């Protein structure tokens, strides 16, 4: 976790693989960061892992789920209770289950 970033209360960081959080990013309460799952194509359902990368200036709102291998681009906003199973483009707002593009976010820096 880089400078000026915060994990809110009750964030569950299941870091079987790496979780990288950039500068000035806020991960709100009760968010679940999950870097592992099971291989549903296999009879034995073995554990598979992939890192989560959250770039600079990101806000992940309350109770979101971020799945294995997801990268959230710089300046993105993730709406409350969203489920991310795919990457998020920089400076966009996404939400829902599964999360979908809502609109672009202006870069005010």
PDB file of N, CA and C in Angstrom:
ATOM      1  N   UNK A   1       0.854  -1.163   0.000  1.00  0.00           N
ATOM      2  CA  UNK A   1       0.000   0.000   0.000  1.00  0.00           C
ATOM      3  C   UNK A   1       0.902   1.228   0.000  1.00  0.00           C
ATOM      4  N   UNK A   2       0.621   2.137  -0.922  1.00  0.00           N
ATOM      5  CA  UNK A   2       1.463   3.313  -1.105  1.00  0.00           C
ATOM      6  C   UNK A   2       0.982   4.469  -0.215  1.00  0.00           C
ATOM      7  N   UNK A   3       1.681   5.602  -0.318  1.00  0.00           N
ATOM      8  CA  UNK A   3       1.420   6.768   0.529  1.00  0.00           C
ATOM      9  C   UNK A   3      -0.012   7.269   0.410  1.00  0.00           C
ATOM     10  N   UNK A   4      -0.563   7.679   1.551  1.00  0.00           N
ATOM     11  CA  UNK A   4      -1.873   8.331   1.678  1.00  0.00           C
ATOM     12  C   UNK A   4      -3.041   7.463   1.212  1.00  0.00           C
ATOM     13  N   UNK A   5      -2.858   6.152   1.229  1.00  0.00           N
ATOM     14  CA  UNK A   5      -3.955   5.235   0.908  1.00  0.00           C
ATOM     15  C   UNK A   5      -4.504   4.652   2.201  1.00  0.00           C
ATOM     16  N   UNK A   6      -5.768   4.219   2.141  1.00  0.00           N
ATOM     17  CA  UNK A   6      -6.455   3.769   3.347  1.00  0.00           C
ATOM     18  C   UNK A   6      -7.293   2.532   3.079  1.00  0.00           C
ATOM     19  N   UNK A   7      -7.249   1.593   4.017  1.00  0.00           N
ATOM     20  CA  UNK A   7      -8.195   0.474   4.051  1.00  0.00           C
ATOM     21  C   UNK A   7      -9.192   0.796   5.151  1.00  0.00           C
ATOM     22  N   UNK A   8     -10.460   0.869   4.800  1.00  0.00           N
ATOM     23  CA  UNK A   8     -11.496   1.171   5.779  1.00  0.00           C
ATOM     24  C   UNK A   8     -11.721   0.015   6.741  1.00  0.00           C
ATOM     25  N   UNK A   9     -12.587   0.233   7.750  1.00  0.00           N
ATOM     26  CA  UNK A   9     -12.898  -0.814   8.715  1.00  0.00           C
ATOM     27  C   UNK A   9     -13.516  -2.038   8.042  1.00  0.00           C
ATOM     28  N   UNK A  10     -13.137  -3.182   8.539  1.00  0.00           N
ATOM     29  CA  UNK A  10     -13.678  -4.465   8.109  1.00  0.00           C
ATOM     30  C   UNK A  10     -13.420  -4.795   6.641  1.00  0.00           C
ATOM     31  N   UNK A  11     -12.380  -4.225   6.046  1.00  0.00           N
ATOM     32  CA  UNK A  11     -11.966  -4.662   4.709  1.00  0.00           C
ATOM     33  C   UNK A  11     -11.351  -6.044   4.874  1.00  0.00           C
ATOM     34  N   UNK A  12     -11.774  -6.982   4.053  1.00  0.00           N
ATOM     35  CA  UNK A  12     -11.251  -8.343   4.079  1.00  0.00           C
ATOM     36  C   UNK A  12     -10.283  -8.485   2.913  1.00  0.00           C
ATOM     37  N   UNK A  13      -9.013  -8.583   3.243  1.00  0.00           N
ATOM     38  CA  UNK A  13      -7.962  -8.661   2.225  1.00  0.00           C
ATOM     39  C   UNK A  13      -7.437 -10.094   2.185  1.00  0.00           C
ATOM     40  N   UNK A  14      -8.061 -10.919   1.341  1.00  0.00           N
ATOM     41  CA  UNK A  14      -7.668 -12.318   1.195  1.00  0.00           C
ATOM     42  C   UNK A  14      -6.495 -12.358   0.218  1.00  0.00           C
ATOM     43  N   UNK A  15      -5.296 -12.097   0.755  1.00  0.00           N
ATOM     44  CA  UNK A  15      -4.127 -11.901  -0.091  1.00  0.00           C
ATOM     45  C   UNK A  15      -3.276 -13.162  -0.201  1.00  0.00           C
ATOM     46  N   UNK A  16      -3.838 -14.173  -0.827  1.00  0.00           N
ATOM     47  CA  UNK A  16      -3.080 -15.369  -1.172  1.00  0.00           C
ATOM     48  C   UNK A  16      -2.043 -15.008  -2.239  1.00  0.00           C
ATOM     49  N   UNK A  17      -2.361 -14.026  -3.058  1.00  0.00           N
ATOM     50  CA  UNK A  17      -1.454 -13.457  -4.060  1.00  0.00           C
ATOM     51  C   UNK A  17      -1.265 -11.987  -3.677  1.00  0.00           C
ATOM     52  N   UNK A  18      -0.541 -11.228  -4.471  1.00  0.00           N
ATOM     53  CA  UNK A  18      -0.257  -9.829  -4.146  1.00  0.00           C
ATOM     54  C   UNK A  18      -1.499  -8.949  -4.280  1.00  0.00           C
ATOM     55  N   UNK A  19      -1.612  -7.971  -3.386  1.00  0.00           N
ATOM     56  CA  UNK A  19      -2.562  -6.877  -3.501  1.00  0.00           C
ATOM     57  C   UNK A  19      -1.725  -5.615  -3.491  1.00  0.00           C
ATOM     58  N   UNK A  20      -1.772  -4.866  -4.592  1.00  0.00           N
ATOM     59  CA  UNK A  20      -0.981  -3.649  -4.732  1.00  0.00           C
ATOM     60  C   UNK A  20      -1.939  -2.466  -4.781  1.00  0.00           C
ATOM     61  N   UNK A  21      -1.746  -1.518  -3.871  1.00  0.00           N
ATOM     62  CA  UNK A  21      -2.613  -0.340  -3.791  1.00  0.00           C
ATOM     63  C   UNK A  21      -1.741   0.900  -3.955  1.00  0.00           C
ATOM     64  N   UNK A  22      -2.050   1.702  -4.972  1.00  0.00           N
ATOM     65  CA  UNK A  22      -1.271   2.894  -5.277  1.00  0.00           C
ATOM     66  C   UNK A  22      -1.527   4.038  -4.303  1.00  0.00           C
ATOM     67  N   UNK A  23      -1.013   5.211  -4.645  1.00  0.00           N
ATOM     68  CA  UNK A  23      -1.111   6.413  -3.812  1.00  0.00           C
ATOM     69  C   UNK A  23      -2.527   6.978  -3.819  1.00  0.00           C
ATOM     70  N   UNK A  24      -2.887   7.607  -2.679  1.00  0.00           N
ATOM     71  CA  UNK A  24      -4.143   8.363  -2.560  1.00  0.00           C
ATOM     72  C   UNK A  24      -5.379   7.551  -2.915  1.00  0.00           C
ATOM     73  N   UNK A  25      -5.384   6.278  -2.597  1.00  0.00           N
ATOM     74  CA  UNK A  25      -6.533   5.429  -2.903  1.00  0.00           C
ATOM     75  C   UNK A  25      -7.259   5.053  -1.621  1.00  0.00           C
ATOM     76  N   UNK A  26      -8.572   4.968  -1.730  1.00  0.00           N
ATOM     77  CA  UNK A  26      -9.423   4.676  -0.582  1.00  0.00           C
ATOM     78  C   UNK A  26     -10.218   3.406  -0.857  1.00  0.00           C
ATOM     79  N   UNK A  27     -10.045   2.426   0.022  1.00  0.00           N
ATOM     80  CA  UNK A  27     -10.805   1.189  -0.051  1.00  0.00           C
ATOM     81  C   UNK A  27     -11.780   1.234   1.126  1.00  0.00           C
ATOM     82  N   UNK A  28     -13.051   1.462   0.831  1.00  0.00           N
ATOM     83  CA  UNK A  28     -14.050   1.694   1.880  1.00  0.00           C
ATOM     84  C   UNK A  28     -14.403   0.425   2.645  1.00  0.00           C
ATOM     85  N   UNK A  29     -15.100   0.632   3.761  1.00  0.00           N
ATOM     86  CA  UNK A  29     -15.436  -0.426   4.706  1.00  0.00           C
ATOM     87  C   UNK A  29     -16.156  -1.590   4.040  1.00  0.00           C
ATOM     88  N   UNK A  30     -15.858  -2.765   4.593  1.00  0.00           N
ATOM     89  CA  UNK A  30     -16.485  -4.039   4.222  1.00  0.00           C
ATOM     90  C   UNK A  30     -16.214  -4.489   2.783  1.00  0.00           C
ATOM     91  N   UNK A  31     -15.246  -3.869   2.132  1.00  0.00           N
ATOM     92  CA  UNK A  31     -14.850  -4.340   0.802  1.00  0.00           C
ATOM     93  C   UNK A  31     -14.112  -5.664   0.939  1.00  0.00           C
ATOM     94  N   UNK A  32     -14.250  -6.528  -0.057  1.00  0.00           N
ATOM     95  CA  UNK A  32     -13.594  -7.833  -0.061  1.00  0.00           C
ATOM     96  C   UNK A  32     -12.620  -7.873  -1.232  1.00  0.00           C
ATOM     97  N   UNK A  33     -11.330  -7.957  -0.929  1.00  0.00           N
ATOM     98  CA  UNK A  33     -10.287  -8.082  -1.942  1.00  0.00           C
ATOM     99  C   UNK A  33      -9.872  -9.548  -1.982  1.00  0.00           C
ATOM    100  N   UNK A  34     -10.202 -10.236  -3.058  1.00  0.00           N
ATOM    101  CA  UNK A  34     -10.038 -11.691  -3.120  1.00  0.00           C
ATOM    102  C   UNK A  34      -9.078 -12.077  -4.251  1.00  0.00           C
ATOM    103  N   UNK A  35      -7.900 -12.562  -3.896  1.00  0.00           N
ATOM    104  CA  UNK A  35      -6.892 -12.908  -4.902  1.00  0.00           C
ATOM    105  C   UNK A  35      -6.877 -14.392  -5.266  1.00  0.00           C
ATOM    106  N   UNK A  36      -7.871 -15.144  -4.826  1.00  0.00           N
ATOM    107  CA  UNK A  36      -7.880 -16.578  -5.122  1.00  0.00           C
ATOM    108  C   UNK A  36      -9.294 -17.060  -5.410  1.00  0.00           C
ATOM    109  N   UNK A  37      -9.343 -18.148  -6.162  1.00  0.00           N
ATOM    110  CA  UNK A  37     -10.607 -18.822  -6.447  1.00  0.00           C
ATOM    111  C   UNK A  37     -10.282 -20.291  -6.683  1.00  0.00           C
ATOM    112  N   UNK A  38     -11.222 -21.004  -7.229  1.00  0.00           N
ATOM    113  CA  UNK A  38     -10.996 -22.415  -7.536  1.00  0.00           C
ATOM    114  C   UNK A  38     -11.243 -22.654  -9.014  1.00  0.00           C
ATOM    115  N   UNK A  39     -10.481 -23.567  -9.581  1.00  0.00           N
ATOM    116  CA  UNK A  39     -10.574 -23.891 -10.995  1.00  0.00           C
ATOM    117  C   UNK A  39     -11.827 -24.739 -11.240  1.00  0.00           C
ATOM    118  N   UNK A  40     -12.882 -24.092 -11.695  1.00  0.00           N
ATOM    119  CA  UNK A  40     -14.155 -24.795 -11.913  1.00  0.00           C
ATOM    120  C   UNK A  40     -14.091 -25.789 -13.076  1.00  0.00           C
ATOM    121  N   UNK A  41     -13.050 -25.693 -13.910  1.00  0.00           N
ATOM    122  CA  UNK A  41     -12.897 -26.619 -15.035  1.00  0.00           C
ATOM    123  C   UNK A  41     -12.260 -27.941 -14.615  1.00  0.00           C
ATOM    124  N   UNK A  42     -11.775 -27.995 -13.392  1.00  0.00           N
ATOM    125  CA  UNK A  42     -11.074 -29.170 -12.890  1.00  0.00           C
ATOM    126  C   UNK A  42     -11.954 -29.970 -11.942  1.00  0.00           C
ATOM    127  N   UNK A  43     -11.838 -31.280 -11.986  1.00  0.00           N
ATOM    128  CA  UNK A  43     -12.591 -32.134 -11.064  1.00  0.00           C
ATOM    129  C   UNK A  43     -12.183 -31.905  -9.615  1.00  0.00           C
ATOM    130  N   UNK A  44     -10.945 -31.507  -9.381  1.00  0.00           N
ATOM    131  CA  UNK A  44     -10.469 -31.323  -8.008  1.00  0.00           C
ATOM    132  C   UNK A  44     -10.607 -29.883  -7.506  1.00  0.00           C
ATOM    133  N   UNK A  45     -11.077 -28.973  -8.360  1.00  0.00           N
ATOM    134  CA  UNK A  45     -11.295 -27.564  -7.983  1.00  0.00           C
ATOM    135  C   UNK A  45     -10.082 -26.947  -7.283  1.00  0.00           C
ATOM    136  N   UNK A  46      -8.873 -27.192  -7.803  1.00  0.00           N
ATOM    137  CA  UNK A  46      -7.675 -26.676  -7.139  1.00  0.00           C
ATOM    138  C   UNK A  46      -7.689 -25.143  -7.065  1.00  0.00           C
ATOM    139  N   UNK A  47      -6.990 -24.633  -6.072  1.00  0.00           N
ATOM    140  CA  UNK A  47      -6.897 -23.200  -5.842  1.00  0.00           C
ATOM    141  C   UNK A  47      -6.081 -22.535  -6.950  1.00  0.00           C
ATOM    142  N   UNK A  48      -6.570 -21.423  -7.460  1.00  0.00           N
ATOM    143  CA  UNK A  48      -5.822 -20.608  -8.425  1.00  0.00           C
ATOM    144  C   UNK A  48      -5.760 -19.187  -7.872  1.00  0.00           C
ATOM    145  N   UNK A  49      -4.670 -18.497  -8.158  1.00  0.00           N
ATOM    146  CA  UNK A  49      -4.487 -17.153  -7.617  1.00  0.00           C
ATOM    147  C   UNK A  49      -4.067 -16.177  -8.710  1.00  0.00           C
ATOM    148  N   UNK A  50      -4.340 -14.898  -8.464  1.00  0.00           N
ATOM    149  CA  UNK A  50      -3.894 -13.818  -9.357  1.00  0.00           C
ATOM    150  C   UNK A  50      -3.912 -12.520  -8.550  1.00  0.00           C
ATOM    151  N   UNK A  51      -2.956 -11.628  -8.801  1.00  0.00           N
ATOM    152  CA  UNK A  51      -2.875 -10.391  -8.017  1.00  0.00           C
ATOM    153  C   UNK A  51      -4.001  -9.410  -8.326  1.00  0.00           C
ATOM    154  N   UNK A  52      -4.254  -8.526  -7.381  1.00  0.00           N
ATOM    155  CA  UNK A  52      -5.150  -7.388  -7.569  1.00  0.00           C
ATOM    156  C   UNK A  52      -4.278  -6.142  -7.583  1.00  0.00           C
ATOM    157  N   UNK A  53      -4.482  -5.287  -8.580  1.00  0.00           N
ATOM    158  CA  UNK A  53      -3.726  -4.039  -8.673  1.00  0.00           C
ATOM    159  C   UNK A  53      -4.710  -2.882  -8.671  1.00  0.00           C
ATOM    160  N   UNK A  54      -4.557  -2.004  -7.689  1.00  0.00           N
ATOM    161  CA  UNK A  54      -5.381  -0.806  -7.578  1.00  0.00           C
ATOM    162  C   UNK A  54      -4.434   0.374  -7.743  1.00  0.00           C
ATOM    163  N   UNK A  55      -4.590   1.112  -8.830  1.00  0.00           N
ATOM    164  CA  UNK A  55      -3.664   2.197  -9.136  1.00  0.00           C
ATOM    165  C   UNK A  55      -3.952   3.440  -8.292  1.00  0.00           C
ATOM    166  N   UNK A  56      -3.261   4.531  -8.549  1.00  0.00           N
ATOM    167  CA  UNK A  56      -3.376   5.769  -7.777  1.00  0.00           C
ATOM    168  C   UNK A  56      -4.753   6.419  -7.930  1.00  0.00           C
ATOM    169  N   UNK A  57      -5.173   7.131  -6.868  1.00  0.00           N
ATOM    170  CA  UNK A  57      -6.376   7.978  -6.882  1.00  0.00           C
ATOM    171  C   UNK A  57      -7.671   7.212  -7.155  1.00  0.00           C
ATOM    172  N   UNK A  58      -7.762   6.007  -6.660  1.00  0.00           N
ATOM    173  CA  UNK A  58      -8.947   5.163  -6.842  1.00  0.00           C
ATOM    174  C   UNK A  58      -9.801   5.223  -5.580  1.00  0.00           C
ATOM    175  N   UNK A  59     -11.116   5.224  -5.764  1.00  0.00           N
ATOM    176  CA  UNK A  59     -12.041   5.067  -4.645  1.00  0.00           C
ATOM    177  C   UNK A  59     -12.882   3.832  -4.896  1.00  0.00           C
ATOM    178  N   UNK A  60     -12.784   2.870  -3.985  1.00  0.00           N
ATOM    179  CA  UNK A  60     -13.636   1.689  -3.995  1.00  0.00           C
ATOM    180  C   UNK A  60     -14.649   1.901  -2.874  1.00  0.00           C
ATOM    181  N   UNK A  61     -15.918   2.083  -3.230  1.00  0.00           N
ATOM    182  CA  UNK A  61     -16.951   2.389  -2.243  1.00  0.00           C
ATOM    183  C   UNK A  61     -17.338   1.137  -1.444  1.00  0.00           C
ATOM    184  N   UNK A  62     -18.139   1.346  -0.424  1.00  0.00           N
ATOM    185  CA  UNK A  62     -18.486   0.342   0.574  1.00  0.00           C
ATOM    186  C   UNK A  62     -18.962  -0.992  -0.016  1.00  0.00           C
ATOM    187  N   UNK A  63     -18.468  -2.076   0.588  1.00  0.00           N
ATOM    188  CA  UNK A  63     -18.973  -3.431   0.364  1.00  0.00           C
ATOM    189  C   UNK A  63     -18.785  -3.956  -1.060  1.00  0.00           C
ATOM    190  N   UNK A  64     -17.761  -3.465  -1.753  1.00  0.00           N
ATOM    191  CA  UNK A  64     -17.479  -3.969  -3.100  1.00  0.00           C
ATOM    192  C   UNK A  64     -16.706  -5.289  -3.008  1.00  0.00           C
ATOM    193  N   UNK A  65     -16.782  -6.078  -4.068  1.00  0.00           N
ATOM    194  CA  UNK A  65     -16.005  -7.311  -4.203  1.00  0.00           C
ATOM    195  C   UNK A  65     -15.064  -7.120  -5.388  1.00  0.00           C
ATOM    196  N   UNK A  66     -13.763  -7.319  -5.145  1.00  0.00           N
ATOM    197  CA  UNK A  66     -12.752  -7.229  -6.203  1.00  0.00           C
ATOM    198  C   UNK A  66     -12.147  -8.618  -6.349  1.00  0.00           C
ATOM    199  N   UNK A  67     -12.309  -9.215  -7.525  1.00  0.00           N
ATOM    200  CA  UNK A  67     -11.872 -10.588  -7.748  1.00  0.00           C
ATOM    201  C   UNK A  67     -10.430 -10.721  -8.182  1.00  0.00           C
ATOM    202  N   UNK A  68      -9.938 -11.961  -8.247  1.00  0.00           N
ATOM    203  CA  UNK A  68      -8.561 -12.241  -8.615  1.00  0.00           C
ATOM    204  C   UNK A  68      -8.213 -11.707 -10.006  1.00  0.00           C
ATOM    205  N   UNK A  69      -7.025 -11.142 -10.119  1.00  0.00           N
ATOM    206  CA  UNK A  69      -6.514 -10.703 -11.413  1.00  0.00           C
ATOM    207  C   UNK A  69      -7.042  -9.375 -11.901  1.00  0.00           C
ATOM    208  N   UNK A  70      -7.840  -8.672 -11.098  1.00  0.00           N
ATOM    209  CA  UNK A  70      -8.434  -7.405 -11.519  1.00  0.00           C
ATOM    210  C   UNK A  70      -7.445  -6.260 -11.320  1.00  0.00           C
ATOM    211  N   UNK A  71      -7.357  -5.391 -12.324  1.00  0.00           N
ATOM    212  CA  UNK A  71      -6.611  -4.142 -12.219  1.00  0.00           C
ATOM    213  C   UNK A  71      -7.613  -3.005 -12.321  1.00  0.00           C
ATOM    214  N   UNK A  72      -7.559  -2.091 -11.352  1.00  0.00           N
ATOM    215  CA  UNK A  72      -8.404  -0.899 -11.360  1.00  0.00           C
ATOM    216  C   UNK A  72      -7.516   0.273 -11.742  1.00  0.00           C
ATOM    217  N   UNK A  73      -7.815   0.892 -12.881  1.00  0.00           N
ATOM    218  CA  UNK A  73      -6.998   1.968 -13.415  1.00  0.00           C
ATOM    219  C   UNK A  73      -7.037   3.241 -12.584  1.00  0.00           C
ATOM    220  N   UNK A  74      -6.030   4.067 -12.778  1.00  0.00           N
ATOM    221  CA  UNK A  74      -5.886   5.322 -12.043  1.00  0.00           C
ATOM    222  C   UNK A  74      -7.160   6.157 -12.102  1.00  0.00           C
ATOM    223  N   UNK A  75      -7.543   6.711 -10.932  1.00  0.00           N
ATOM    224  CA  UNK A  75      -8.664   7.637 -10.870  1.00  0.00           C
ATOM    225  C   UNK A  75     -10.042   7.027 -10.986  1.00  0.00           C
ATOM    226  N   UNK A  76     -10.137   5.717 -11.059  1.00  0.00           N
ATOM    227  CA  UNK A  76     -11.443   5.070 -11.203  1.00  0.00           C
ATOM    228  C   UNK A  76     -12.232   5.135  -9.898  1.00  0.00           C
ATOM    229  N   UNK A  77     -13.555   5.081 -10.024  1.00  0.00           N
ATOM    230  CA  UNK A  77     -14.453   4.999  -8.877  1.00  0.00           C
ATOM    231  C   UNK A  77     -15.304   3.747  -9.049  1.00  0.00           C
ATOM    232  N   UNK A  78     -15.359   2.961  -7.972  1.00  0.00           N
ATOM    233  CA  UNK A  78     -16.135   1.728  -7.969  1.00  0.00           C
ATOM    234  C   UNK A  78     -17.327   1.952  -7.050  1.00  0.00           C
ATOM    235  N   UNK A  79     -18.539   1.858  -7.583  1.00  0.00           N
ATOM    236  CA  UNK A  79     -19.749   2.130  -6.811  1.00  0.00           C
ATOM    237  C   UNK A  79     -19.939   1.108  -5.688  1.00  0.00           C
ATOM    238  N   UNK A  80     -20.689   1.522  -4.667  1.00  0.00           N
ATOM    239  CA  UNK A  80     -20.978   0.655  -3.529  1.00  0.00           C
ATOM    240  C   UNK A  80     -21.592  -0.661  -3.976  1.00  0.00           C
ATOM    241  N   UNK A  81     -21.161  -1.731  -3.335  1.00  0.00           N
ATOM    242  CA  UNK A  81     -21.671  -3.091  -3.535  1.00  0.00           C
ATOM    243  C   UNK A  81     -21.441  -3.651  -4.930  1.00  0.00           C
ATOM    244  N   UNK A  82     -20.506  -3.089  -5.654  1.00  0.00           N
ATOM    245  CA  UNK A  82     -20.195  -3.593  -6.989  1.00  0.00           C
ATOM    246  C   UNK A  82     -19.388  -4.883  -6.914  1.00  0.00           C
ATOM    247  N   UNK A  83     -19.469  -5.667  -7.983  1.00  0.00           N
ATOM    248  CA  UNK A  83     -18.699  -6.899  -8.110  1.00  0.00           C
ATOM    249  C   UNK A  83     -17.802  -6.764  -9.331  1.00  0.00           C
ATOM    250  N   UNK A  84     -16.485  -6.718  -9.082  1.00  0.00           N
ATOM    251  CA  UNK A  84     -15.525  -6.577 -10.172  1.00  0.00           C
ATOM    252  C   UNK A  84     -14.874  -7.906 -10.487  1.00  0.00           C
ATOM    253  N   UNK A  85     -15.064  -8.351 -11.715  1.00  0.00           N
ATOM    254  CA  UNK A  85     -14.416  -9.573 -12.180  1.00  0.00           C
ATOM    255  C   UNK A  85     -13.580  -9.294 -13.429  1.00  0.00           C
ATOM    256  N   UNK A  86     -13.594  -8.034 -13.887  1.00  0.00           N
ATOM    257  CA  UNK A  86     -12.803  -7.604 -15.045  1.00  0.00           C
ATOM    258  C   UNK A  86     -12.111  -6.288 -14.713  1.00  0.00           C
ATOM    259  N   UNK A  87     -11.092  -5.966 -15.484  1.00  0.00           N
ATOM    260  CA  UNK A  87     -10.340  -4.735 -15.278  1.00  0.00           C
ATOM    261  C   UNK A  87     -11.214  -3.504 -15.477  1.00  0.00           C
ATOM    262  N   UNK A  88     -10.814  -2.408 -14.823  1.00  0.00           N
ATOM    263  CA  UNK A  88     -11.523  -1.137 -14.918  1.00  0.00           C
ATOM    264  C   UNK A  88     -10.584  -0.115 -15.544  1.00  0.00           C
ATOM    265  N   UNK A  89     -11.068   0.578 -16.564  1.00  0.00           N
ATOM    266  CA  UNK A  89     -10.271   1.589 -17.252  1.00  0.00           C
ATOM    267  C   UNK A  89     -10.016   2.792 -16.340  1.00  0.00           C
ATOM    268  N   UNK A  90      -8.879   3.490 -16.547  1.00  0.00           N
ATOM    269  CA  UNK A  90      -8.597   4.693 -15.761  1.00  0.00           C
ATOM    270  C   UNK A  90      -9.688   5.749 -15.940  1.00  0.00           C
ATOM    271  N   UNK A  91      -9.915   6.513 -14.886  1.00  0.00           N
ATOM    272  CA  UNK A  91     -10.817   7.664 -14.874  1.00  0.00           C
ATOM    273  C   UNK A  91     -12.224   7.334 -15.367  1.00  0.00           C
ATOM    274  N   UNK A  92     -12.706   6.163 -14.939  1.00  0.00           N
ATOM    275  CA  UNK A  92     -14.083   5.778 -15.228  1.00  0.00           C
ATOM    276  C   UNK A  92     -14.801   5.468 -13.922  1.00  0.00           C
ATOM    277  N   UNK A  93     -16.123   5.463 -13.981  1.00  0.00           N
ATOM    278  CA  UNK A  93     -16.961   5.056 -12.858  1.00  0.00           C
ATOM    279  C   UNK A  93     -17.710   3.810 -13.298  1.00  0.00           C
ATOM    280  N   UNK A  94     -17.633   2.766 -12.462  1.00  0.00           N
ATOM    281  CA  UNK A  94     -18.319   1.515 -12.756  1.00  0.00           C
ATOM    282  C   UNK A  94     -19.170   1.118 -11.554  1.00  0.00           C
ATOM    283  N   UNK A  95     -20.188   0.296 -11.806  1.00  0.00           N
ATOM    284  CA  UNK A  95     -21.013  -0.187 -10.714  1.00  0.00           C
ATOM    285  C   UNK A  95     -21.896  -1.321 -11.141  1.00  0.00           C
ATOM    286  N   UNK A  96     -22.396  -2.056 -10.164  1.00  0.00           N
ATOM    287  CA  UNK A  96     -23.334  -3.141 -10.419  1.00  0.00           C
ATOM    288  C   UNK A  96     -22.735  -4.507 -10.169  1.00  0.00           C
ATOM    289  N   UNK A  97     -23.539  -5.534 -10.497  1.00  0.00           N
ATOM    290  CA  UNK A  97     -23.132  -6.922 -10.328  1.00  0.00           C
ATOM    291  C   UNK A  97     -23.550  -7.720 -11.564  1.00  0.00           C
ATOM    292  N   UNK A  98     -22.593  -7.977 -12.471  1.00  0.00           N
ATOM    293  CA  UNK A  98     -21.195  -7.547 -12.445  1.00  0.00           C
ATOM    294  C   UNK A  98     -21.078  -6.055 -12.785  1.00  0.00           C
ATOM    295  N   UNK A  99     -19.977  -5.456 -12.355  1.00  0.00           N
ATOM    296  CA  UNK A  99     -19.778  -4.019 -12.578  1.00  0.00           C
ATOM    297  C   UNK A  99     -19.693  -3.706 -14.062  1.00  0.00           C
ATOM    298  N   UNK A 100     -20.367  -2.625 -14.431  1.00  0.00           N
ATOM    299  CA  UNK A 100     -20.372  -2.146 -15.815  1.00  0.00           C
ATOM    300  C   UNK A 100     -20.043  -0.659 -15.831  1.00  0.00           C
ATOM    301  N   UNK A 101     -19.564  -0.205 -16.968  1.00  0.00           N
ATOM    302  CA  UNK A 101     -19.236   1.204 -17.155  1.00  0.00           C
ATOM    303  C   UNK A 101     -20.477   2.061 -16.926  1.00  0.00           C
ATOM    304  N   UNK A 102     -20.329   3.140 -16.119  1.00  0.00           N
ATOM    305  CA  UNK A 102     -21.412   4.105 -15.918  1.00  0.00           C
ATOM    306  C   UNK A 102     -21.109   5.384 -16.670  1.00  0.00           C
ATOM    307  N   UNK A 103     -19.931   5.962 -16.412  1.00  0.00           N
ATOM    308  CA  UNK A 103     -19.522   7.157 -17.139  1.00  0.00           C
ATOM    309  C   UNK A 103     -18.062   7.435 -16.904  1.00  0.00           C
ATOM    310  N   UNK A 104     -17.520   8.360 -17.679  1.00  0.00           N
ATOM    311  CA  UNK A 104     -16.141   8.790 -17.490  1.00  0.00           C
ATOM    312  C   UNK A 104     -16.090   9.758 -16.311  1.00  0.00           C
ATOM    313  N   UNK A 105     -14.948   9.776 -15.659  1.00  0.00           N
ATOM    314  CA  UNK A 105     -14.716  10.701 -14.559  1.00  0.00           C
ATOM    315  C   UNK A 105     -13.694  11.704 -15.022  1.00  0.00           C
ATOM    316  N   UNK A 106     -13.928  12.976 -14.713  1.00  0.00           N
ATOM    317  CA  UNK A 106     -12.992  14.028 -15.113  1.00  0.00           C
ATOM    318  C   UNK A 106     -11.759  13.996 -14.224  1.00  0.00           C
ATOM    319  N   UNK A 107     -10.604  14.176 -14.820  1.00  0.00           N
ATOM    320  CA  UNK A 107      -9.350  14.283 -14.081  1.00  0.00           C
ATOM    321  C   UNK A 107      -9.149  15.748 -13.722  1.00  0.00           C
ATOM    322  N   UNK A 108      -9.272  16.080 -12.442  1.00  0.00           N
ATOM    323  CA  UNK A 108      -9.184  17.460 -12.001  1.00  0.00           C
ATOM    324  C   UNK A 108      -7.814  17.820 -11.445  1.00  0.00           C
ATOM    325  N   UNK A 109      -6.804  17.055 -11.756  1.00  0.00           N
ATOM    326  CA  UNK A 109      -5.465  17.365 -11.243  1.00  0.00           C
ATOM    327  C   UNK A 109      -4.762  18.343 -12.140  1.00  0.00           C
TER     328      UNK A 109
END
